[in-house]
Amino acid sequence: MSKTATVRARLEPVLKGHAESVFHRLGLNATQAITIFYKQVEMRGGLPFDMAIPTSTTKKTFNATDEGRDLVVCKDTNDLFKRLGI
């Protein structure tokens, strides 16, 4: 099948650069990455990843951690597991 359809989108230049850097490390160009995305949408009948609107609790937690509040800092993984009771 010939590829004659065009997709146009406006992106922030920094986002475009970062994404294309990842594509390059994966051995892909932007067209190949977009094609993979579209194929996954077609195969799954929806987006190939979960999307959810954060709850008010999640938003409050994000804001608190962004401000450095309500954080638990562990010395290492053993300390983390001990605090979690694992």
PDB file of N, CA and C in Angstrom:
ATOM      1  N   MET A   1       0.844  -1.168   0.000  1.00  0.00           N
ATOM      2  CA  MET A   1       0.000   0.000   0.000  1.00  0.00           C
ATOM      3  C   MET A   1       0.896   1.241   0.000  1.00  0.00           C
ATOM      4  N   SER A   2       0.588   2.196  -0.850  1.00  0.00           N
ATOM      5  CA  SER A   2       1.441   3.392  -0.923  1.00  0.00           C
ATOM      6  C   SER A   2       1.126   4.331   0.229  1.00  0.00           C
ATOM      7  N   LYS A   3       2.145   5.045   0.642  1.00  0.00           N
ATOM      8  CA  LYS A   3       1.999   5.993   1.750  1.00  0.00           C
ATOM      9  C   LYS A   3       1.823   7.381   1.164  1.00  0.00           C
ATOM     10  N   THR A   4       0.576   7.834   1.095  1.00  0.00           N
ATOM     11  CA  THR A   4       0.321   9.147   0.517  1.00  0.00           C
ATOM     12  C   THR A   4      -0.407  10.088   1.475  1.00  0.00           C
ATOM     13  N   ALA A   5      -0.901   9.602   2.603  1.00  0.00           N
ATOM     14  CA  ALA A   5      -1.591  10.452   3.572  1.00  0.00           C
ATOM     15  C   ALA A   5      -0.561  11.228   4.389  1.00  0.00           C
ATOM     16  N   THR A   6      -0.942  12.425   4.784  1.00  0.00           N
ATOM     17  CA  THR A   6      -0.046  13.297   5.541  1.00  0.00           C
ATOM     18  C   THR A   6      -0.661  13.633   6.890  1.00  0.00           C
ATOM     19  N   VAL A   7       0.178  13.673   7.910  1.00  0.00           N
ATOM     20  CA  VAL A   7      -0.223  14.110   9.243  1.00  0.00           C
ATOM     21  C   VAL A   7       0.572  15.363   9.554  1.00  0.00           C
ATOM     22  N   ARG A   8      -0.114  16.412   9.984  1.00  0.00           N
ATOM     23  CA  ARG A   8       0.576  17.653  10.362  1.00  0.00           C
ATOM     24  C   ARG A   8       0.211  17.985  11.796  1.00  0.00           C
ATOM     25  N   ALA A   9       1.197  18.377  12.555  1.00  0.00           N
ATOM     26  CA  ALA A   9       0.955  18.741  13.949  1.00  0.00           C
ATOM     27  C   ALA A   9       1.946  19.810  14.373  1.00  0.00           C
ATOM     28  N   ARG A  10       1.512  20.695  15.233  1.00  0.00           N
ATOM     29  CA  ARG A  10       2.396  21.707  15.795  1.00  0.00           C
ATOM     30  C   ARG A  10       2.798  21.257  17.195  1.00  0.00           C
ATOM     31  N   LEU A  11       4.094  21.271  17.455  1.00  0.00           N
ATOM     32  CA  LEU A  11       4.632  20.841  18.742  1.00  0.00           C
ATOM     33  C   LEU A  11       5.576  21.893  19.284  1.00  0.00           C
ATOM     34  N   GLU A  12       5.789  21.843  20.585  1.00  0.00           N
ATOM     35  CA  GLU A  12       6.821  22.690  21.168  1.00  0.00           C
ATOM     36  C   GLU A  12       8.164  22.167  20.661  1.00  0.00           C
ATOM     37  N   PRO A  13       9.044  23.046  20.203  1.00  0.00           N
ATOM     38  CA  PRO A  13      10.324  22.599  19.653  1.00  0.00           C
ATOM     39  C   PRO A  13      11.151  21.735  20.601  1.00  0.00           C
ATOM     40  N   VAL A  14      11.131  22.045  21.894  1.00  0.00           N
ATOM     41  CA  VAL A  14      11.913  21.264  22.857  1.00  0.00           C
ATOM     42  C   VAL A  14      11.352  19.847  22.963  1.00  0.00           C
ATOM     43  N   LEU A  15      10.027  19.723  23.037  1.00  0.00           N
ATOM     44  CA  LEU A  15       9.392  18.407  23.084  1.00  0.00           C
ATOM     45  C   LEU A  15       9.735  17.607  21.838  1.00  0.00           C
ATOM     46  N   LYS A  16       9.632  18.232  20.676  1.00  0.00           N
ATOM     47  CA  LYS A  16       9.954  17.567  19.412  1.00  0.00           C
ATOM     48  C   LYS A  16      11.396  17.072  19.413  1.00  0.00           C
ATOM     49  N   GLY A  17      12.310  17.911  19.852  1.00  0.00           N
ATOM     50  CA  GLY A  17      13.720  17.539  19.897  1.00  0.00           C
ATOM     51  C   GLY A  17      13.991  16.374  20.834  1.00  0.00           C
ATOM     52  N   HIS A  18      13.384  16.424  22.020  1.00  0.00           N
ATOM     53  CA  HIS A  18      13.586  15.346  22.989  1.00  0.00           C
ATOM     54  C   HIS A  18      13.020  14.030  22.461  1.00  0.00           C
ATOM     55  N   ALA A  19      11.811  14.082  21.906  1.00  0.00           N
ATOM     56  CA  ALA A  19      11.194  12.858  21.380  1.00  0.00           C
ATOM     57  C   ALA A  19      12.011  12.301  20.219  1.00  0.00           C
ATOM     58  N   GLU A  20      12.458  13.150  19.314  1.00  0.00           N
ATOM     59  CA  GLU A  20      13.228  12.673  18.168  1.00  0.00           C
ATOM     60  C   GLU A  20      14.584  12.119  18.592  1.00  0.00           C
ATOM     61  N   SER A  21      15.118  12.615  19.685  1.00  0.00           N
ATOM     62  CA  SER A  21      16.354  12.056  20.231  1.00  0.00           C
ATOM     63  C   SER A  21      16.119  10.615  20.698  1.00  0.00           C
ATOM     64  N   VAL A  22      14.979  10.386  21.353  1.00  0.00           N
ATOM     65  CA  VAL A  22      14.623   9.026  21.783  1.00  0.00           C
ATOM     66  C   VAL A  22      14.416   8.141  20.561  1.00  0.00           C
ATOM     67  N   PHE A  23      13.693   8.657  19.558  1.00  0.00           N
ATOM     68  CA  PHE A  23      13.473   7.874  18.330  1.00  0.00           C
ATOM     69  C   PHE A  23      14.812   7.465  17.718  1.00  0.00           C
ATOM     70  N   HIS A  24      15.745   8.415  17.670  1.00  0.00           N
ATOM     71  CA  HIS A  24      17.058   8.138  17.072  1.00  0.00           C
ATOM     72  C   HIS A  24      17.769   7.010  17.823  1.00  0.00           C
ATOM     73  N   ARG A  25      17.710   7.065  19.167  1.00  0.00           N
ATOM     74  CA  ARG A  25      18.351   6.009  19.961  1.00  0.00           C
ATOM     75  C   ARG A  25      17.703   4.653  19.721  1.00  0.00           C
ATOM     76  N   LEU A  26      16.425   4.668  19.322  1.00  0.00           N
ATOM     77  CA  LEU A  26      15.713   3.430  19.015  1.00  0.00           C
ATOM     78  C   LEU A  26      15.882   3.016  17.554  1.00  0.00           C
ATOM     79  N   GLY A  27      16.595   3.839  16.774  1.00  0.00           N
ATOM     80  CA  GLY A  27      16.797   3.533  15.365  1.00  0.00           C
ATOM     81  C   GLY A  27      15.605   3.891  14.497  1.00  0.00           C
ATOM     82  N   LEU A  28      14.803   4.847  14.955  1.00  0.00           N
ATOM     83  CA  LEU A  28      13.601   5.260  14.225  1.00  0.00           C
ATOM     84  C   LEU A  28      13.683   6.717  13.820  1.00  0.00           C
ATOM     85  N   ASN A  29      12.958   7.066  12.772  1.00  0.00           N
ATOM     86  CA  ASN A  29      12.753   8.477  12.472  1.00  0.00           C
ATOM     87  C   ASN A  29      11.327   8.831  12.899  1.00  0.00           C
ATOM     88  N   ALA A  30      10.954  10.093  12.798  1.00  0.00           N
ATOM     89  CA  ALA A  30       9.644  10.533  13.280  1.00  0.00           C
ATOM     90  C   ALA A  30       8.513   9.841  12.529  1.00  0.00           C
ATOM     91  N   THR A  31       8.647   9.668  11.233  1.00  0.00           N
ATOM     92  CA  THR A  31       7.607   9.002  10.446  1.00  0.00           C
ATOM     93  C   THR A  31       7.402   7.566  10.923  1.00  0.00           C
ATOM     94  N   GLN A  32       8.488   6.860  11.157  1.00  0.00           N
ATOM     95  CA  GLN A  32       8.367   5.478  11.631  1.00  0.00           C
ATOM     96  C   GLN A  32       7.719   5.427  13.015  1.00  0.00           C
ATOM     97  N   ALA A  33       8.098   6.347  13.893  1.00  0.00           N
ATOM     98  CA  ALA A  33       7.524   6.373  15.240  1.00  0.00           C
ATOM     99  C   ALA A  33       6.030   6.685  15.191  1.00  0.00           C
ATOM    100  N   ILE A  34       5.633   7.622  14.362  1.00  0.00           N
ATOM    101  CA  ILE A  34       4.214   7.966  14.227  1.00  0.00           C
ATOM    102  C   ILE A  34       3.444   6.789  13.637  1.00  0.00           C
ATOM    103  N   THR A  35       4.040   6.101  12.675  1.00  0.00           N
ATOM    104  CA  THR A  35       3.395   4.928  12.083  1.00  0.00           C
ATOM    105  C   THR A  35       3.188   3.841  13.133  1.00  0.00           C
ATOM    106  N   ILE A  36       4.190   3.613  13.971  1.00  0.00           N
ATOM    107  CA  ILE A  36       4.060   2.631  15.045  1.00  0.00           C
ATOM    108  C   ILE A  36       2.925   3.029  15.986  1.00  0.00           C
ATOM    109  N   PHE A  37       2.861   4.304  16.337  1.00  0.00           N
ATOM    110  CA  PHE A  37       1.800   4.794  17.213  1.00  0.00           C
ATOM    111  C   PHE A  37       0.430   4.533  16.585  1.00  0.00           C
ATOM    112  N   TYR A  38       0.259   4.905  15.330  1.00  0.00           N
ATOM    113  CA  TYR A  38      -1.018   4.703  14.640  1.00  0.00           C
ATOM    114  C   TYR A  38      -1.367   3.213  14.555  1.00  0.00           C
ATOM    115  N   LYS A  39      -0.383   2.355  14.279  1.00  0.00           N
ATOM    116  CA  LYS A  39      -0.626   0.910  14.208  1.00  0.00           C
ATOM    117  C   LYS A  39      -1.109   0.380  15.554  1.00  0.00           C
ATOM    118  N   GLN A  40      -0.492   0.847  16.633  1.00  0.00           N
ATOM    119  CA  GLN A  40      -0.899   0.411  17.966  1.00  0.00           C
ATOM    120  C   GLN A  40      -2.316   0.888  18.286  1.00  0.00           C
ATOM    121  N   VAL A  41      -2.664   2.100  17.896  1.00  0.00           N
ATOM    122  CA  VAL A  41      -4.023   2.605  18.089  1.00  0.00           C
ATOM    123  C   VAL A  41      -5.003   1.713  17.337  1.00  0.00           C
ATOM    124  N   GLU A  42      -4.658   1.388  16.105  1.00  0.00           N
ATOM    125  CA  GLU A  42      -5.516   0.529  15.277  1.00  0.00           C
ATOM    126  C   GLU A  42      -5.674  -0.858  15.918  1.00  0.00           C
ATOM    127  N   MET A  43      -4.566  -1.463  16.338  1.00  0.00           N
ATOM    128  CA  MET A  43      -4.602  -2.813  16.895  1.00  0.00           C
ATOM    129  C   MET A  43      -5.363  -2.891  18.220  1.00  0.00           C
ATOM    130  N   ARG A  44      -5.203  -1.856  19.059  1.00  0.00           N
ATOM    131  CA  ARG A  44      -5.812  -1.876  20.387  1.00  0.00           C
ATOM    132  C   ARG A  44      -7.211  -1.259  20.409  1.00  0.00           C
ATOM    133  N   GLY A  45      -7.542  -0.539  19.354  1.00  0.00           N
ATOM    134  CA  GLY A  45      -8.835   0.138  19.342  1.00  0.00           C
ATOM    135  C   GLY A  45      -8.884   1.299  20.311  1.00  0.00           C
ATOM    136  N   GLY A  46      -7.734   1.892  20.576  1.00  0.00           N
ATOM    137  CA  GLY A  46      -7.628   3.022  21.507  1.00  0.00           C
ATOM    138  C   GLY A  46      -6.174   3.390  21.674  1.00  0.00           C
ATOM    139  N   LEU A  47      -5.906   4.294  22.581  1.00  0.00           N
ATOM    140  CA  LEU A  47      -4.532   4.710  22.816  1.00  0.00           C
ATOM    141  C   LEU A  47      -3.712   3.551  23.377  1.00  0.00           C
ATOM    142  N   PRO A  48      -2.450   3.449  22.989  1.00  0.00           N
ATOM    143  CA  PRO A  48      -1.628   2.328  23.450  1.00  0.00           C
ATOM    144  C   PRO A  48      -1.016   2.534  24.837  1.00  0.00           C
ATOM    145  N   PHE A  49      -1.635   3.347  25.639  1.00  0.00           N
ATOM    146  CA  PHE A  49      -1.191   3.585  27.011  1.00  0.00           C
ATOM    147  C   PHE A  49      -2.383   4.091  27.801  1.00  0.00           C
ATOM    148  N   ASP A  50      -2.337   3.942  29.112  1.00  0.00           N
ATOM    149  CA  ASP A  50      -3.422   4.407  29.966  1.00  0.00           C
ATOM    150  C   ASP A  50      -3.397   5.920  30.087  1.00  0.00           C
ATOM    151  N   MET A  51      -4.571   6.490  30.082  1.00  0.00           N
ATOM    152  CA  MET A  51      -4.703   7.924  30.334  1.00  0.00           C
ATOM    153  C   MET A  51      -5.770   8.092  31.404  1.00  0.00           C
ATOM    154  N   ALA A  52      -5.484   8.930  32.368  1.00  0.00           N
ATOM    155  CA  ALA A  52      -6.438   9.165  33.443  1.00  0.00           C
ATOM    156  C   ALA A  52      -6.320  10.600  33.921  1.00  0.00           C
ATOM    157  N   ILE A  53      -7.441  11.143  34.330  1.00  0.00           N
ATOM    158  CA  ILE A  53      -7.453  12.484  34.910  1.00  0.00           C
ATOM    159  C   ILE A  53      -7.152  12.315  36.398  1.00  0.00           C
ATOM    160  N   PRO A  54      -6.119  12.993  36.903  1.00  0.00           N
ATOM    161  CA  PRO A  54      -5.763  12.829  38.317  1.00  0.00           C
ATOM    162  C   PRO A  54      -6.915  13.227  39.235  1.00  0.00           C
ATOM    163  N   THR A  55      -7.097  12.459  40.304  1.00  0.00           N
ATOM    164  CA  THR A  55      -8.114  12.794  41.304  1.00  0.00           C
ATOM    165  C   THR A  55      -7.626  13.978  42.129  1.00  0.00           C
ATOM    166  N   SER A  56      -8.506  14.524  42.932  1.00  0.00           N
ATOM    167  CA  SER A  56      -8.099  15.661  43.776  1.00  0.00           C
ATOM    168  C   SER A  56      -7.014  15.232  44.763  1.00  0.00           C
ATOM    169  N   THR A  57      -7.090  14.003  45.250  1.00  0.00           N
ATOM    170  CA  THR A  57      -6.060  13.493  46.169  1.00  0.00           C
ATOM    171  C   THR A  57      -4.712  13.404  45.466  1.00  0.00           C
ATOM    172  N   THR A  58      -4.722  12.895  44.237  1.00  0.00           N
ATOM    173  CA  THR A  58      -3.481  12.792  43.469  1.00  0.00           C
ATOM    174  C   THR A  58      -2.896  14.172  43.211  1.00  0.00           C
ATOM    175  N   LYS A  59      -3.739  15.132  42.845  1.00  0.00           N
ATOM    176  CA  LYS A  59      -3.264  16.500  42.601  1.00  0.00           C
ATOM    177  C   LYS A  59      -2.640  17.098  43.858  1.00  0.00           C
ATOM    178  N   LYS A  60      -3.298  16.893  45.005  1.00  0.00           N
ATOM    179  CA  LYS A  60      -2.767  17.411  46.276  1.00  0.00           C
ATOM    180  C   LYS A  60      -1.413  16.769  46.589  1.00  0.00           C
ATOM    181  N   THR A  61      -1.298  15.476  46.331  1.00  0.00           N
ATOM    182  CA  THR A  61      -0.041  14.763  46.578  1.00  0.00           C
ATOM    183  C   THR A  61       1.062  15.280  45.671  1.00  0.00           C
ATOM    184  N   PHE A  62       0.757  15.450  44.380  1.00  0.00           N
ATOM    185  CA  PHE A  62       1.742  16.003  43.439  1.00  0.00           C
ATOM    186  C   PHE A  62       2.207  17.375  43.901  1.00  0.00           C
ATOM    187  N   ASN A  63       1.260  18.227  44.277  1.00  0.00           N
ATOM    188  CA  ASN A  63       1.615  19.577  44.723  1.00  0.00           C
ATOM    189  C   ASN A  63       2.479  19.533  45.976  1.00  0.00           C
ATOM    190  N   ALA A  64       2.122  18.683  46.923  1.00  0.00           N
ATOM    191  CA  ALA A  64       2.888  18.582  48.170  1.00  0.00           C
ATOM    192  C   ALA A  64       4.313  18.122  47.901  1.00  0.00           C
ATOM    193  N   THR A  65       4.466  17.094  47.087  1.00  0.00           N
ATOM    194  CA  THR A  65       5.823  16.597  46.824  1.00  0.00           C
ATOM    195  C   THR A  65       6.626  17.591  45.998  1.00  0.00           C
ATOM    196  N   ASP A  66       5.959  18.301  45.072  1.00  0.00           N
ATOM    197  CA  ASP A  66       6.662  19.335  44.307  1.00  0.00           C
ATOM    198  C   ASP A  66       7.201  20.426  45.229  1.00  0.00           C
ATOM    199  N   GLU A  67       6.466  20.685  46.322  1.00  0.00           N
ATOM    200  CA  GLU A  67       6.877  21.711  47.291  1.00  0.00           C
ATOM    201  C   GLU A  67       7.772  21.141  48.385  1.00  0.00           C
ATOM    202  N   GLY A  68       8.072  19.839  48.315  1.00  0.00           N
ATOM    203  CA  GLY A  68       8.953  19.220  49.301  1.00  0.00           C
ATOM    204  C   GLY A  68       8.277  18.872  50.614  1.00  0.00           C
ATOM    205  N   ARG A  69       6.946  18.842  50.626  1.00  0.00           N
ATOM    206  CA  ARG A  69       6.206  18.512  51.848  1.00  0.00           C
ATOM    207  C   ARG A  69       5.805  17.038  51.841  1.00  0.00           C
ATOM    208  N   ASP A  70       5.622  16.493  53.038  1.00  0.00           N
ATOM    209  CA  ASP A  70       5.105  15.132  53.218  1.00  0.00           C
ATOM    210  C   ASP A  70       5.942  14.072  52.506  1.00  0.00           C
ATOM    211  N   LEU A  71       7.250  14.270  52.483  1.00  0.00           N
ATOM    212  CA  LEU A  71       8.148  13.295  51.856  1.00  0.00           C
ATOM    213  C   LEU A  71       8.741  12.374  52.904  1.00  0.00           C
ATOM    214  N   VAL A  72       8.951  11.127  52.534  1.00  0.00           N
ATOM    215  CA  VAL A  72       9.660  10.181  53.381  1.00  0.00           C
ATOM    216  C   VAL A  72      10.953   9.853  52.647  1.00  0.00           C
ATOM    217  N   VAL A  73      12.070  10.196  53.262  1.00  0.00           N
ATOM    218  CA  VAL A  73      13.375   9.966  52.644  1.00  0.00           C
ATOM    219  C   VAL A  73      14.016   8.754  53.298  1.00  0.00           C
ATOM    220  N   CYS A  74      14.444   7.814  52.466  1.00  0.00           N
ATOM    221  CA  CYS A  74      15.055   6.588  52.965  1.00  0.00           C
ATOM    222  C   CYS A  74      16.544   6.609  52.666  1.00  0.00           C
ATOM    223  N   LYS A  75      17.315   5.968  53.563  1.00  0.00           N
ATOM    224  CA  LYS A  75      18.769   5.915  53.379  1.00  0.00           C
ATOM    225  C   LYS A  75      19.150   5.035  52.205  1.00  0.00           C
ATOM    226  N   ASP A  76      18.440   3.920  52.061  1.00  0.00           N
ATOM    227  CA  ASP A  76      18.728   2.965  50.987  1.00  0.00           C
ATOM    228  C   ASP A  76      17.518   2.048  50.827  1.00  0.00           C
ATOM    229  N   THR A  77      17.639   1.038  49.960  1.00  0.00           N
ATOM    230  CA  THR A  77      16.497   0.152  49.718  1.00  0.00           C
ATOM    231  C   THR A  77      16.123  -0.649  50.960  1.00  0.00           C
ATOM    232  N   ASN A  78      17.113  -1.044  51.753  1.00  0.00           N
ATOM    233  CA  ASN A  78      16.811  -1.785  52.988  1.00  0.00           C
ATOM    234  C   ASN A  78      15.963  -0.934  53.933  1.00  0.00           C
ATOM    235  N   ASP A  79      16.315   0.343  54.052  1.00  0.00           N
ATOM    236  CA  ASP A  79      15.552   1.263  54.880  1.00  0.00           C
ATOM    237  C   ASP A  79      14.133   1.408  54.330  1.00  0.00           C
ATOM    238  N   LEU A  80      14.001   1.512  53.017  1.00  0.00           N
ATOM    239  CA  LEU A  80      12.685   1.623  52.364  1.00  0.00           C
ATOM    240  C   LEU A  80      11.823   0.398  52.694  1.00  0.00           C
ATOM    241  N   PHE A  81      12.382  -0.789  52.489  1.00  0.00           N
ATOM    242  CA  PHE A  81      11.630  -2.012  52.739  1.00  0.00           C
ATOM    243  C   PHE A  81      11.238  -2.132  54.219  1.00  0.00           C
ATOM    244  N   LYS A  82      12.144  -1.727  55.102  1.00  0.00           N
ATOM    245  CA  LYS A  82      11.855  -1.775  56.536  1.00  0.00           C
ATOM    246  C   LYS A  82      10.675  -0.860  56.870  1.00  0.00           C
ATOM    247  N   ARG A  83      10.703   0.361  56.311  1.00  0.00           N
ATOM    248  CA  ARG A  83       9.616   1.311  56.568  1.00  0.00           C
ATOM    249  C   ARG A  83       8.282   0.823  55.993  1.00  0.00           C
ATOM    250  N   LEU A  84       8.365   0.077  54.883  1.00  0.00           N
ATOM    251  CA  LEU A  84       7.161  -0.464  54.262  1.00  0.00           C
ATOM    252  C   LEU A  84       6.686  -1.759  54.913  1.00  0.00           C
ATOM    253  N   GLY A  85       7.535  -2.305  55.798  1.00  0.00           N
ATOM    254  CA  GLY A  85       7.181  -3.541  56.476  1.00  0.00           C
ATOM    255  C   GLY A  85       7.310  -4.763  55.584  1.00  0.00           C
ATOM    256  N   ILE A  86       8.206  -4.660  54.628  1.00  0.00           N
ATOM    257  CA  ILE A  86       8.410  -5.777  53.685  1.00  0.00           C
ATOM    258  C   ILE A  86       9.641  -6.572  54.084  1.00  0.00           C
TER     259      ILE A  86
END
